[in-house]
Structure formats: structure tokens, C-alpha cells
């Protein structure tokens, strides 16, 4: 498991198009088809331990929670944090207050 940060502080300012106070962070580029969706974990909710069927990128866009691997050691995550799991990597996620995450799955994920 690898943890990334996607907060505005690390974004690049957009200077084109007469833009004002706008920023962009590239997440990844896909070569093959990708599944992209949201996961919503309600307060007290858990996505149980499972293996990633393909490489997965899990980016928290709202709220906070935790993730863990097979060692069951919980790591706190919050808005702007991203977690990357390789194929076959077992993991679990949950939240005591609720969170929404963007989930990207593809055979080949090339992070920026």
C-alpha cells in the first residue's frame, strides 16, 4: 500500500484561459480502460477485508476515516489523501464519521 496526497497545496496554478485562483492536480493517465466511481462509507461503516482485483487508487474527497492492510494496523486518511493498492493486496477501509472517495481501477495505473 502506498499513500498519496492530492490536496490543493500540491496543485499547479492554471494560468491559461484568463483563469483566476484555479488549480489542477493530475491524478493519473490510463492506457487501458478504467473503472471510475465513488464509494460512500456511512458513519461507522466498513468495507471489509478483500484483495484488490486490479490496481486501485482510492482518493478521499470528503470526510475522514482509516485504511489497513493484512496487518490490521489502521492508518488515518482524510480529504485529499489517496491510497494505492496493487493487484492482490488485501485491505479494508472504514470511517467513524463518514467519507466519500473516488475509486479508480485499471490494469495499468500510471500515477503522475
PDB file of N, CA and C in Angstrom:
ATOM      1  N   UNK A   1       0.852  -1.164   0.000  1.00  0.00           N
ATOM      2  CA  UNK A   1       0.000   0.000   0.000  1.00  0.00           C
ATOM      3  C   UNK A   1       0.899   1.229   0.000  1.00  0.00           C
ATOM      4  N   UNK A   2       0.487   2.236  -0.759  1.00  0.00           N
ATOM      5  CA  UNK A   2       1.206   3.497  -0.800  1.00  0.00           C
ATOM      6  C   UNK A   2       0.188   4.612  -0.650  1.00  0.00           C
ATOM      7  N   UNK A   3       0.515   5.624   0.155  1.00  0.00           N
ATOM      8  CA  UNK A   3      -0.400   6.734   0.415  1.00  0.00           C
ATOM      9  C   UNK A   3       0.093   7.985  -0.308  1.00  0.00           C
ATOM     10  N   UNK A   4      -0.830   8.684  -0.972  1.00  0.00           N
ATOM     11  CA  UNK A   4      -0.538   9.903  -1.718  1.00  0.00           C
ATOM     12  C   UNK A   4      -1.356  11.050  -1.136  1.00  0.00           C
ATOM     13  N   UNK A   5      -0.995  12.280  -1.504  1.00  0.00           N
ATOM     14  CA  UNK A   5      -1.730  13.450  -1.084  1.00  0.00           C
ATOM     15  C   UNK A   5      -2.160  14.220  -2.330  1.00  0.00           C
ATOM     16  N   UNK A   6      -3.449  14.547  -2.420  1.00  0.00           N
ATOM     17  CA  UNK A   6      -3.986  15.256  -3.578  1.00  0.00           C
ATOM     18  C   UNK A   6      -4.612  16.593  -3.189  1.00  0.00           C
ATOM     19  N   UNK A   7      -4.130  17.223  -2.137  1.00  0.00           N
ATOM     20  CA  UNK A   7      -4.697  18.496  -1.695  1.00  0.00           C
ATOM     21  C   UNK A   7      -4.266  19.645  -2.604  1.00  0.00           C
ATOM     22  N   UNK A   8      -4.967  20.758  -2.499  1.00  0.00           N
ATOM     23  CA  UNK A   8      -4.702  21.926  -3.342  1.00  0.00           C
ATOM     24  C   UNK A   8      -3.289  22.461  -3.167  1.00  0.00           C
ATOM     25  N   UNK A   9      -2.723  22.309  -1.979  1.00  0.00           N
ATOM     26  CA  UNK A   9      -1.382  22.832  -1.729  1.00  0.00           C
ATOM     27  C   UNK A   9      -0.344  22.267  -2.702  1.00  0.00           C
ATOM     28  N   UNK A  10      -0.586  21.093  -3.243  1.00  0.00           N
ATOM     29  CA  UNK A  10       0.356  20.457  -4.164  1.00  0.00           C
ATOM     30  C   UNK A  10      -0.032  20.647  -5.629  1.00  0.00           C
ATOM     31  N   UNK A  11      -1.123  21.370  -5.872  1.00  0.00           N
ATOM     32  CA  UNK A  11      -1.613  21.575  -7.242  1.00  0.00           C
ATOM     33  C   UNK A  11      -0.851  22.700  -7.941  1.00  0.00           C
ATOM     34  N   UNK A  12      -0.955  22.698  -9.258  1.00  0.00           N
ATOM     35  CA  UNK A  12      -0.354  23.744 -10.081  1.00  0.00           C
ATOM     36  C   UNK A  12      -1.412  24.785 -10.427  1.00  0.00           C
ATOM     37  N   UNK A  13      -1.015  26.045 -10.377  1.00  0.00           N
ATOM     38  CA  UNK A  13      -1.944  27.111 -10.731  1.00  0.00           C
ATOM     39  C   UNK A  13      -2.223  27.056 -12.230  1.00  0.00           C
ATOM     40  N   UNK A  14      -3.496  27.280 -12.594  1.00  0.00           N
ATOM     41  CA  UNK A  14      -3.882  27.329 -14.002  1.00  0.00           C
ATOM     42  C   UNK A  14      -3.736  28.771 -14.457  1.00  0.00           C
ATOM     43  N   UNK A  15      -2.827  28.993 -15.410  1.00  0.00           N
ATOM     44  CA  UNK A  15      -2.567  30.346 -15.900  1.00  0.00           C
ATOM     45  C   UNK A  15      -3.212  30.607 -17.251  1.00  0.00           C
ATOM     46  N   UNK A  16      -3.725  29.574 -17.902  1.00  0.00           N
ATOM     47  CA  UNK A  16      -4.364  29.726 -19.211  1.00  0.00           C
ATOM     48  C   UNK A  16      -5.824  30.145 -19.058  1.00  0.00           C
ATOM     49  N   UNK A  17      -6.418  30.549 -20.157  1.00  0.00           N
ATOM     50  CA  UNK A  17      -7.858  30.812 -20.262  1.00  0.00           C
ATOM     51  C   UNK A  17      -8.339  31.962 -19.375  1.00  0.00           C
ATOM     52  N   UNK A  18      -7.486  32.901 -19.042  1.00  0.00           N
ATOM     53  CA  UNK A  18      -7.831  34.010 -18.156  1.00  0.00           C
ATOM     54  C   UNK A  18      -8.325  33.498 -16.795  1.00  0.00           C
ATOM     55  N   UNK A  19      -7.717  32.411 -16.345  1.00  0.00           N
ATOM     56  CA  UNK A  19      -8.109  31.790 -15.079  1.00  0.00           C
ATOM     57  C   UNK A  19      -7.654  32.629 -13.889  1.00  0.00           C
ATOM     58  N   UNK A  20      -8.438  32.581 -12.830  1.00  0.00           N
ATOM     59  CA  UNK A  20      -8.131  33.303 -11.600  1.00  0.00           C
ATOM     60  C   UNK A  20      -8.312  32.341 -10.429  1.00  0.00           C
ATOM     61  N   UNK A  21      -7.272  32.218  -9.607  1.00  0.00           N
ATOM     62  CA  UNK A  21      -7.337  31.382  -8.403  1.00  0.00           C
ATOM     63  C   UNK A  21      -7.880  29.986  -8.686  1.00  0.00           C
ATOM     64  N   UNK A  22      -7.362  29.344  -9.727  1.00  0.00           N
ATOM     65  CA  UNK A  22      -7.766  27.993 -10.089  1.00  0.00           C
ATOM     66  C   UNK A  22      -6.521  27.108 -10.145  1.00  0.00           C
ATOM     67  N   UNK A  23      -6.674  25.858  -9.697  1.00  0.00           N
ATOM     68  CA  UNK A  23      -5.535  24.954  -9.581  1.00  0.00           C
ATOM     69  C   UNK A  23      -5.906  23.574 -10.108  1.00  0.00           C
ATOM     70  N   UNK A  24      -4.892  22.818 -10.561  1.00  0.00           N
ATOM     71  CA  UNK A  24      -5.123  21.492 -11.152  1.00  0.00           C
ATOM     72  C   UNK A  24      -4.088  20.501 -10.636  1.00  0.00           C
ATOM     73  N   UNK A  25      -4.560  19.330 -10.259  1.00  0.00           N
ATOM     74  CA  UNK A  25      -3.673  18.244  -9.880  1.00  0.00           C
ATOM     75  C   UNK A  25      -3.979  17.051 -10.767  1.00  0.00           C
ATOM     76  N   UNK A  26      -3.003  16.620 -11.522  1.00  0.00           N
ATOM     77  CA  UNK A  26      -3.159  15.430 -12.348  1.00  0.00           C
ATOM     78  C   UNK A  26      -3.081  14.213 -11.437  1.00  0.00           C
ATOM     79  N   UNK A  27      -4.022  13.312 -11.587  1.00  0.00           N
ATOM     80  CA  UNK A  27      -4.025  12.100 -10.777  1.00  0.00           C
ATOM     81  C   UNK A  27      -3.284  10.984 -11.497  1.00  0.00           C
ATOM     82  N   UNK A  28      -3.681  10.713 -12.723  1.00  0.00           N
ATOM     83  CA  UNK A  28      -3.090   9.589 -13.441  1.00  0.00           C
ATOM     84  C   UNK A  28      -3.453   9.653 -14.921  1.00  0.00           C
ATOM     85  N   UNK A  29      -2.801   8.818 -15.684  1.00  0.00           N
ATOM     86  CA  UNK A  29      -3.107   8.649 -17.100  1.00  0.00           C
ATOM     87  C   UNK A  29      -3.317   7.157 -17.331  1.00  0.00           C
ATOM     88  N   UNK A  30      -4.404   6.804 -17.998  1.00  0.00           N
ATOM     89  CA  UNK A  30      -4.656   5.392 -18.273  1.00  0.00           C
ATOM     90  C   UNK A  30      -4.386   5.089 -19.737  1.00  0.00           C
ATOM     91  N   UNK A  31      -3.857   3.908 -19.970  1.00  0.00           N
ATOM     92  CA  UNK A  31      -3.628   3.429 -21.324  1.00  0.00           C
ATOM     93  C   UNK A  31      -4.746   2.462 -21.699  1.00  0.00           C
ATOM     94  N   UNK A  32      -5.180   1.697 -20.724  1.00  0.00           N
ATOM     95  CA  UNK A  32      -6.250   0.723 -20.913  1.00  0.00           C
ATOM     96  C   UNK A  32      -7.520   1.242 -20.251  1.00  0.00           C
ATOM     97  N   UNK A  33      -8.653   0.599 -20.533  1.00  0.00           N
ATOM     98  CA  UNK A  33      -9.897   1.048 -19.896  1.00  0.00           C
ATOM     99  C   UNK A  33      -9.778   1.072 -18.377  1.00  0.00           C
ATOM    100  N   UNK A  34     -10.512   1.990 -17.771  1.00  0.00           N
ATOM    101  CA  UNK A  34     -10.501   2.134 -16.317  1.00  0.00           C
ATOM    102  C   UNK A  34     -11.937   2.228 -15.811  1.00  0.00           C
ATOM    103  N   UNK A  35     -12.162   1.702 -14.616  1.00  0.00           N
ATOM    104  CA  UNK A  35     -13.432   1.890 -13.921  1.00  0.00           C
ATOM    105  C   UNK A  35     -13.228   3.031 -12.937  1.00  0.00           C
ATOM    106  N   UNK A  36     -14.118   4.012 -12.973  1.00  0.00           N
ATOM    107  CA  UNK A  36     -14.011   5.166 -12.088  1.00  0.00           C
ATOM    108  C   UNK A  36     -15.361   5.349 -11.416  1.00  0.00           C
ATOM    109  N   UNK A  37     -15.354   5.445 -10.097  1.00  0.00           N
ATOM    110  CA  UNK A  37     -16.614   5.607  -9.371  1.00  0.00           C
ATOM    111  C   UNK A  37     -16.383   6.180  -7.990  1.00  0.00           C
ATOM    112  N   UNK A  38     -17.473   6.346  -7.262  1.00  0.00           N
ATOM    113  CA  UNK A  38     -17.422   6.832  -5.896  1.00  0.00           C
ATOM    114  C   UNK A  38     -17.752   5.703  -4.947  1.00  0.00           C
ATOM    115  N   UNK A  39     -17.171   5.758  -3.758  1.00  0.00           N
ATOM    116  CA  UNK A  39     -17.564   4.865  -2.681  1.00  0.00           C
ATOM    117  C   UNK A  39     -17.969   5.755  -1.515  1.00  0.00           C
ATOM    118  N   UNK A  40     -19.081   5.420  -0.909  1.00  0.00           N
ATOM    119  CA  UNK A  40     -19.606   6.184   0.215  1.00  0.00           C
ATOM    120  C   UNK A  40     -19.597   5.263   1.435  1.00  0.00           C
ATOM    121  N   UNK A  41     -18.898   5.666   2.479  1.00  0.00           N
ATOM    122  CA  UNK A  41     -18.884   4.900   3.719  1.00  0.00           C
ATOM    123  C   UNK A  41     -19.595   5.747   4.774  1.00  0.00           C
ATOM    124  N   UNK A  42     -20.704   5.248   5.242  1.00  0.00           N
ATOM    125  CA  UNK A  42     -21.509   5.944   6.238  1.00  0.00           C
ATOM    126  C   UNK A  42     -20.792   5.949   7.595  1.00  0.00           C
ATOM    127  N   UNK A  43     -21.184   6.832   8.528  1.00  0.00           N
ATOM    128  CA  UNK A  43     -20.583   6.810   9.865  1.00  0.00           C
ATOM    129  C   UNK A  43     -20.667   5.409  10.477  1.00  0.00           C
ATOM    130  N   UNK A  44     -19.529   4.905  10.928  1.00  0.00           N
ATOM    131  CA  UNK A  44     -19.459   3.564  11.493  1.00  0.00           C
ATOM    132  C   UNK A  44     -19.361   2.464  10.456  1.00  0.00           C
ATOM    133  N   UNK A  45     -19.329   2.840   9.169  1.00  0.00           N
ATOM    134  CA  UNK A  45     -19.291   1.857   8.092  1.00  0.00           C
ATOM    135  C   UNK A  45     -17.899   1.303   7.830  1.00  0.00           C
ATOM    136  N   UNK A  46     -17.871   0.117   7.221  1.00  0.00           N
ATOM    137  CA  UNK A  46     -16.619  -0.564   6.895  1.00  0.00           C
ATOM    138  C   UNK A  46     -16.778  -1.281   5.567  1.00  0.00           C
ATOM    139  N   UNK A  47     -15.764  -1.188   4.718  1.00  0.00           N
ATOM    140  CA  UNK A  47     -15.652  -2.056   3.550  1.00  0.00           C
ATOM    141  C   UNK A  47     -14.696  -3.151   3.994  1.00  0.00           C
ATOM    142  N   UNK A  48     -15.210  -4.359   4.156  1.00  0.00           N
ATOM    143  CA  UNK A  48     -14.453  -5.457   4.742  1.00  0.00           C
ATOM    144  C   UNK A  48     -13.190  -5.817   3.987  1.00  0.00           C
ATOM    145  N   UNK A  49     -12.334  -6.578   4.663  1.00  0.00           N
ATOM    146  CA  UNK A  49     -11.055  -7.013   4.113  1.00  0.00           C
ATOM    147  C   UNK A  49     -11.283  -7.791   2.814  1.00  0.00           C
ATOM    148  N   UNK A  50     -10.570  -7.386   1.771  1.00  0.00           N
ATOM    149  CA  UNK A  50     -10.649  -8.057   0.466  1.00  0.00           C
ATOM    150  C   UNK A  50      -9.384  -7.765  -0.309  1.00  0.00           C
ATOM    151  N   UNK A  51      -9.123  -8.571  -1.324  1.00  0.00           N
ATOM    152  CA  UNK A  51      -7.965  -8.356  -2.187  1.00  0.00           C
ATOM    153  C   UNK A  51      -8.358  -7.480  -3.364  1.00  0.00           C
ATOM    154  N   UNK A  52      -7.468  -6.581  -3.750  1.00  0.00           N
ATOM    155  CA  UNK A  52      -7.708  -5.739  -4.917  1.00  0.00           C
ATOM    156  C   UNK A  52      -7.669  -6.631  -6.165  1.00  0.00           C
ATOM    157  N   UNK A  53      -8.755  -6.646  -6.964  1.00  0.00           N
ATOM    158  CA  UNK A  53      -8.768  -7.486  -8.165  1.00  0.00           C
ATOM    159  C   UNK A  53      -7.850  -6.948  -9.267  1.00  0.00           C
ATOM    160  N   UNK A  54      -7.645  -5.652  -9.270  1.00  0.00           N
ATOM    161  CA  UNK A  54      -6.727  -4.947 -10.186  1.00  0.00           C
ATOM    162  C   UNK A  54      -6.130  -3.798  -9.382  1.00  0.00           C
ATOM    163  N   UNK A  55      -5.107  -3.107  -9.879  1.00  0.00           N
ATOM    164  CA  UNK A  55      -4.605  -1.934  -9.167  1.00  0.00           C
ATOM    165  C   UNK A  55      -5.747  -0.950  -8.894  1.00  0.00           C
ATOM    166  N   UNK A  56      -5.760  -0.392  -7.668  1.00  0.00           N
ATOM    167  CA  UNK A  56      -6.831   0.507  -7.252  1.00  0.00           C
ATOM    168  C   UNK A  56      -6.251   1.773  -6.633  1.00  0.00           C
ATOM    169  N   UNK A  57      -6.838   2.909  -6.991  1.00  0.00           N
ATOM    170  CA  UNK A  57      -6.494   4.186  -6.368  1.00  0.00           C
ATOM    171  C   UNK A  57      -7.753   4.690  -5.675  1.00  0.00           C
ATOM    172  N   UNK A  58      -7.647   4.977  -4.383  1.00  0.00           N
ATOM    173  CA  UNK A  58      -8.760   5.369  -3.513  1.00  0.00           C
ATOM    174  C   UNK A  58      -8.437   6.762  -2.998  1.00  0.00           C
ATOM    175  N   UNK A  59      -9.161   7.796  -3.467  1.00  0.00           N
ATOM    176  CA  UNK A  59      -8.877   9.183  -3.098  1.00  0.00           C
ATOM    177  C   UNK A  59     -10.044   9.737  -2.286  1.00  0.00           C
ATOM    178  N   UNK A  60      -9.776  10.124  -1.048  1.00  0.00           N
ATOM    179  CA  UNK A  60     -10.816  10.678  -0.184  1.00  0.00           C
ATOM    180  C   UNK A  60     -11.118  12.101  -0.652  1.00  0.00           C
ATOM    181  N   UNK A  61     -12.382  12.344  -1.016  1.00  0.00           N
ATOM    182  CA  UNK A  61     -12.768  13.680  -1.470  1.00  0.00           C
ATOM    183  C   UNK A  61     -13.597  14.425  -0.430  1.00  0.00           C
ATOM    184  N   UNK A  62     -14.088  13.679   0.571  1.00  0.00           N
ATOM    185  CA  UNK A  62     -14.836  14.320   1.651  1.00  0.00           C
ATOM    186  C   UNK A  62     -14.801  13.416   2.875  1.00  0.00           C
ATOM    187  N   UNK A  63     -14.570  14.009   4.026  1.00  0.00           N
ATOM    188  CA  UNK A  63     -14.603  13.254   5.271  1.00  0.00           C
ATOM    189  C   UNK A  63     -13.253  12.690   5.662  1.00  0.00           C
ATOM    190  N   UNK A  64     -13.303  11.740   6.575  1.00  0.00           N
ATOM    191  CA  UNK A  64     -12.083  11.106   7.051  1.00  0.00           C
ATOM    192  C   UNK A  64     -12.408   9.693   7.508  1.00  0.00           C
ATOM    193  N   UNK A  65     -11.373   8.891   7.605  1.00  0.00           N
ATOM    194  CA  UNK A  65     -11.567   7.511   8.020  1.00  0.00           C
ATOM    195  C   UNK A  65     -10.231   6.827   8.220  1.00  0.00           C
ATOM    196  N   UNK A  66     -10.173   5.558   7.858  1.00  0.00           N
ATOM    197  CA  UNK A  66      -8.954   4.776   8.043  1.00  0.00           C
ATOM    198  C   UNK A  66      -8.877   3.674   6.996  1.00  0.00           C
ATOM    199  N   UNK A  67      -7.671   3.195   6.782  1.00  0.00           N
ATOM    200  CA  UNK A  67      -7.442   2.028   5.923  1.00  0.00           C
ATOM    201  C   UNK A  67      -6.476   1.124   6.672  1.00  0.00           C
ATOM    202  N   UNK A  68      -6.466  -0.143   6.308  1.00  0.00           N
ATOM    203  CA  UNK A  68      -5.478  -1.062   6.863  1.00  0.00           C
ATOM    204  C   UNK A  68      -5.236  -2.187   5.868  1.00  0.00           C
ATOM    205  N   UNK A  69      -4.105  -2.827   6.047  1.00  0.00           N
ATOM    206  CA  UNK A  69      -3.752  -3.985   5.243  1.00  0.00           C
ATOM    207  C   UNK A  69      -3.935  -5.248   6.066  1.00  0.00           C
ATOM    208  N   UNK A  70      -3.289  -6.324   5.614  1.00  0.00           N
ATOM    209  CA  UNK A  70      -3.415  -7.602   6.309  1.00  0.00           C
ATOM    210  C   UNK A  70      -2.931  -7.542   7.749  1.00  0.00           C
ATOM    211  N   UNK A  71      -2.034  -6.607   8.052  1.00  0.00           N
ATOM    212  CA  UNK A  71      -1.525  -6.486   9.428  1.00  0.00           C
ATOM    213  C   UNK A  71      -2.554  -5.876  10.373  1.00  0.00           C
ATOM    214  N   UNK A  72      -3.670  -5.382   9.819  1.00  0.00           N
ATOM    215  CA  UNK A  72      -4.776  -4.792  10.585  1.00  0.00           C
ATOM    216  C   UNK A  72      -4.396  -3.497  11.307  1.00  0.00           C
ATOM    217  N   UNK A  73      -3.231  -2.913  10.974  1.00  0.00           N
ATOM    218  CA  UNK A  73      -2.824  -1.645  11.574  1.00  0.00           C
ATOM    219  C   UNK A  73      -3.526  -0.511  10.833  1.00  0.00           C
ATOM    220  N   UNK A  74      -4.412   0.201  11.528  1.00  0.00           N
ATOM    221  CA  UNK A  74      -5.193   1.260  10.905  1.00  0.00           C
ATOM    222  C   UNK A  74      -4.351   2.512  10.699  1.00  0.00           C
ATOM    223  N   UNK A  75      -4.485   3.097   9.493  1.00  0.00           N
ATOM    224  CA  UNK A  75      -3.814   4.342   9.135  1.00  0.00           C
ATOM    225  C   UNK A  75      -4.909   5.364   8.846  1.00  0.00           C
ATOM    226  N   UNK A  76      -4.849   6.512   9.493  1.00  0.00           N
ATOM    227  CA  UNK A  76      -5.859   7.561   9.295  1.00  0.00           C
ATOM    228  C   UNK A  76      -5.712   8.200   7.919  1.00  0.00           C
ATOM    229  N   UNK A  77      -6.848   8.474   7.276  1.00  0.00           N
ATOM    230  CA  UNK A  77      -6.878   9.170   5.992  1.00  0.00           C
ATOM    231  C   UNK A  77      -7.947  10.260   6.082  1.00  0.00           C
ATOM    232  N   UNK A  78      -7.748  11.317   5.281  1.00  0.00           N
ATOM    233  CA  UNK A  78      -8.688  12.440   5.303  1.00  0.00           C
ATOM    234  C   UNK A  78      -8.805  13.012   3.896  1.00  0.00           C
ATOM    235  N   UNK A  79      -9.667  14.000   3.747  1.00  0.00           N
ATOM    236  CA  UNK A  79      -9.871  14.651   2.456  1.00  0.00           C
ATOM    237  C   UNK A  79      -8.526  15.020   1.826  1.00  0.00           C
ATOM    238  N   UNK A  80      -8.348  14.622   0.580  1.00  0.00           N
ATOM    239  CA  UNK A  80      -7.118  14.919  -0.150  1.00  0.00           C
ATOM    240  C   UNK A  80      -6.110  13.782  -0.136  1.00  0.00           C
ATOM    241  N   UNK A  81      -6.277  12.801   0.749  1.00  0.00           N
ATOM    242  CA  UNK A  81      -5.352  11.663   0.787  1.00  0.00           C
ATOM    243  C   UNK A  81      -5.764  10.616  -0.233  1.00  0.00           C
ATOM    244  N   UNK A  82      -4.771   9.977  -0.811  1.00  0.00           N
ATOM    245  CA  UNK A  82      -5.019   8.893  -1.750  1.00  0.00           C
ATOM    246  C   UNK A  82      -4.235   7.667  -1.340  1.00  0.00           C
ATOM    247  N   UNK A  83      -4.820   6.498  -1.556  1.00  0.00           N
ATOM    248  CA  UNK A  83      -4.172   5.226  -1.230  1.00  0.00           C
ATOM    249  C   UNK A  83      -4.155   4.377  -2.492  1.00  0.00           C
ATOM    250  N   UNK A  84      -3.008   3.762  -2.770  1.00  0.00           N
ATOM    251  CA  UNK A  84      -2.861   2.913  -3.957  1.00  0.00           C
ATOM    252  C   UNK A  84      -2.587   1.484  -3.530  1.00  0.00           C
ATOM    253  N   UNK A  85      -3.387   0.558  -4.042  1.00  0.00           N
ATOM    254  CA  UNK A  85      -3.190  -0.864  -3.777  1.00  0.00           C
ATOM    255  C   UNK A  85      -2.887  -1.596  -5.074  1.00  0.00           C
ATOM    256  N   UNK A  86      -1.914  -2.487  -5.024  1.00  0.00           N
ATOM    257  CA  UNK A  86      -1.582  -3.327  -6.170  1.00  0.00           C
ATOM    258  C   UNK A  86      -2.543  -4.521  -6.225  1.00  0.00           C
ATOM    259  N   UNK A  87      -2.626  -5.180  -7.370  1.00  0.00           N
ATOM    260  CA  UNK A  87      -3.438  -6.380  -7.528  1.00  0.00           C
ATOM    261  C   UNK A  87      -3.079  -7.396  -6.451  1.00  0.00           C
ATOM    262  N   UNK A  88      -4.093  -7.952  -5.809  1.00  0.00           N
ATOM    263  CA  UNK A  88      -3.883  -8.978  -4.804  1.00  0.00           C
ATOM    264  C   UNK A  88      -3.615  -8.468  -3.408  1.00  0.00           C
ATOM    265  N   UNK A  89      -3.417  -7.166  -3.252  1.00  0.00           N
ATOM    266  CA  UNK A  89      -3.124  -6.601  -1.932  1.00  0.00           C
ATOM    267  C   UNK A  89      -4.417  -6.535  -1.107  1.00  0.00           C
ATOM    268  N   UNK A  90      -4.425  -7.210   0.040  1.00  0.00           N
ATOM    269  CA  UNK A  90      -5.601  -7.221   0.907  1.00  0.00           C
ATOM    270  C   UNK A  90      -5.691  -5.910   1.678  1.00  0.00           C
ATOM    271  N   UNK A  91      -6.907  -5.408   1.815  1.00  0.00           N
ATOM    272  CA  UNK A  91      -7.108  -4.149   2.512  1.00  0.00           C
ATOM    273  C   UNK A  91      -8.547  -4.023   2.999  1.00  0.00           C
ATOM    274  N   UNK A  92      -8.747  -3.067   3.902  1.00  0.00           N
ATOM    275  CA  UNK A  92     -10.047  -2.769   4.483  1.00  0.00           C
ATOM    276  C   UNK A  92     -10.099  -1.260   4.695  1.00  0.00           C
ATOM    277  N   UNK A  93     -11.285  -0.675   4.661  1.00  0.00           N
ATOM    278  CA  UNK A  93     -11.421   0.753   4.911  1.00  0.00           C
ATOM    279  C   UNK A  93     -12.699   1.008   5.701  1.00  0.00           C
ATOM    280  N   UNK A  94     -12.687   2.101   6.456  1.00  0.00           N
ATOM    281  CA  UNK A  94     -13.862   2.421   7.245  1.00  0.00           C
ATOM    282  C   UNK A  94     -13.806   3.853   7.742  1.00  0.00           C
ATOM    283  N   UNK A  95     -14.871   4.253   8.433  1.00  0.00           N
ATOM    284  CA  UNK A  95     -14.946   5.617   8.944  1.00  0.00           C
ATOM    285  C   UNK A  95     -15.901   5.675  10.125  1.00  0.00           C
ATOM    286  N   UNK A  96     -15.520   6.422  11.140  1.00  0.00           N
ATOM    287  CA  UNK A  96     -16.436   6.626  12.265  1.00  0.00           C
ATOM    288  C   UNK A  96     -17.370   7.807  12.002  1.00  0.00           C
ATOM    289  N   UNK A  97     -16.977   8.720  11.100  1.00  0.00           N
ATOM    290  CA  UNK A  97     -17.778   9.913  10.818  1.00  0.00           C
ATOM    291  C   UNK A  97     -18.335   9.961   9.399  1.00  0.00           C
ATOM    292  N   UNK A  98     -17.902   9.052   8.533  1.00  0.00           N
ATOM    293  CA  UNK A  98     -18.349   9.013   7.145  1.00  0.00           C
ATOM    294  C   UNK A  98     -17.323   9.605   6.203  1.00  0.00           C
ATOM    295  N   UNK A  99     -17.249   9.044   4.999  1.00  0.00           N
ATOM    296  CA  UNK A  99     -16.349   9.576   3.975  1.00  0.00           C
ATOM    297  C   UNK A  99     -16.854   9.222   2.591  1.00  0.00           C
ATOM    298  N   UNK A 100     -16.426  10.007   1.637  1.00  0.00           N
ATOM    299  CA  UNK A 100     -16.674   9.744   0.222  1.00  0.00           C
ATOM    300  C   UNK A 100     -15.316   9.677  -0.454  1.00  0.00           C
ATOM    301  N   UNK A 101     -15.126   8.660  -1.289  1.00  0.00           N
ATOM    302  CA  UNK A 101     -13.857   8.506  -2.002  1.00  0.00           C
ATOM    303  C   UNK A 101     -14.112   8.262  -3.477  1.00  0.00           C
ATOM    304  N   UNK A 102     -13.219   8.771  -4.291  1.00  0.00           N
ATOM    305  CA  UNK A 102     -13.182   8.484  -5.716  1.00  0.00           C
ATOM    306  C   UNK A 102     -12.325   7.238  -5.869  1.00  0.00           C
ATOM    307  N   UNK A 103     -12.832   6.223  -6.564  1.00  0.00           N
ATOM    308  CA  UNK A 103     -12.092   4.977  -6.745  1.00  0.00           C
ATOM    309  C   UNK A 103     -11.823   4.784  -8.232  1.00  0.00           C
ATOM    310  N   UNK A 104     -10.542   4.577  -8.559  1.00  0.00           N
ATOM    311  CA  UNK A 104     -10.121   4.338  -9.940  1.00  0.00           C
ATOM    312  C   UNK A 104      -9.469   2.967  -9.974  1.00  0.00           C
ATOM    313  N   UNK A 105      -9.936   2.101 -10.890  1.00  0.00           N
ATOM    314  CA  UNK A 105      -9.389   0.760 -11.026  1.00  0.00           C
ATOM    315  C   UNK A 105      -9.041   0.520 -12.487  1.00  0.00           C
ATOM    316  N   UNK A 106      -7.830  -0.005 -12.726  1.00  0.00           N
ATOM    317  CA  UNK A 106      -7.405  -0.293 -14.094  1.00  0.00           C
ATOM    318  C   UNK A 106      -6.230  -1.256 -14.047  1.00  0.00           C
ATOM    319  N   UNK A 107      -6.053  -2.025 -15.088  1.00  0.00           N
ATOM    320  CA  UNK A 107      -4.928  -2.974 -15.158  1.00  0.00           C
ATOM    321  C   UNK A 107      -3.584  -2.265 -15.050  1.00  0.00           C
ATOM    322  N   UNK A 108      -3.492  -1.056 -15.605  1.00  0.00           N
ATOM    323  CA  UNK A 108      -2.264  -0.280 -15.549  1.00  0.00           C
ATOM    324  C   UNK A 108      -2.569   1.134 -15.087  1.00  0.00           C
ATOM    325  N   UNK A 109      -2.104   1.486 -13.907  1.00  0.00           N
ATOM    326  CA  UNK A 109      -2.293   2.834 -13.386  1.00  0.00           C
ATOM    327  C   UNK A 109      -0.930   3.498 -13.309  1.00  0.00           C
ATOM    328  N   UNK A 110      -0.771   4.593 -14.020  1.00  0.00           N
ATOM    329  CA  UNK A 110       0.463   5.359 -14.010  1.00  0.00           C
ATOM    330  C   UNK A 110       0.202   6.680 -13.307  1.00  0.00           C
ATOM    331  N   UNK A 111       0.562   6.759 -12.026  1.00  0.00           N
ATOM    332  CA  UNK A 111       0.299   7.971 -11.271  1.00  0.00           C
ATOM    333  C   UNK A 111       1.260   9.081 -11.705  1.00  0.00           C
ATOM    334  N   UNK A 112       0.739  10.310 -11.640  1.00  0.00           N
ATOM    335  CA  UNK A 112       1.527  11.478 -12.064  1.00  0.00           C
ATOM    336  C   UNK A 112       2.722  11.683 -11.166  1.00  0.00           C
TER     337      UNK A 112
END
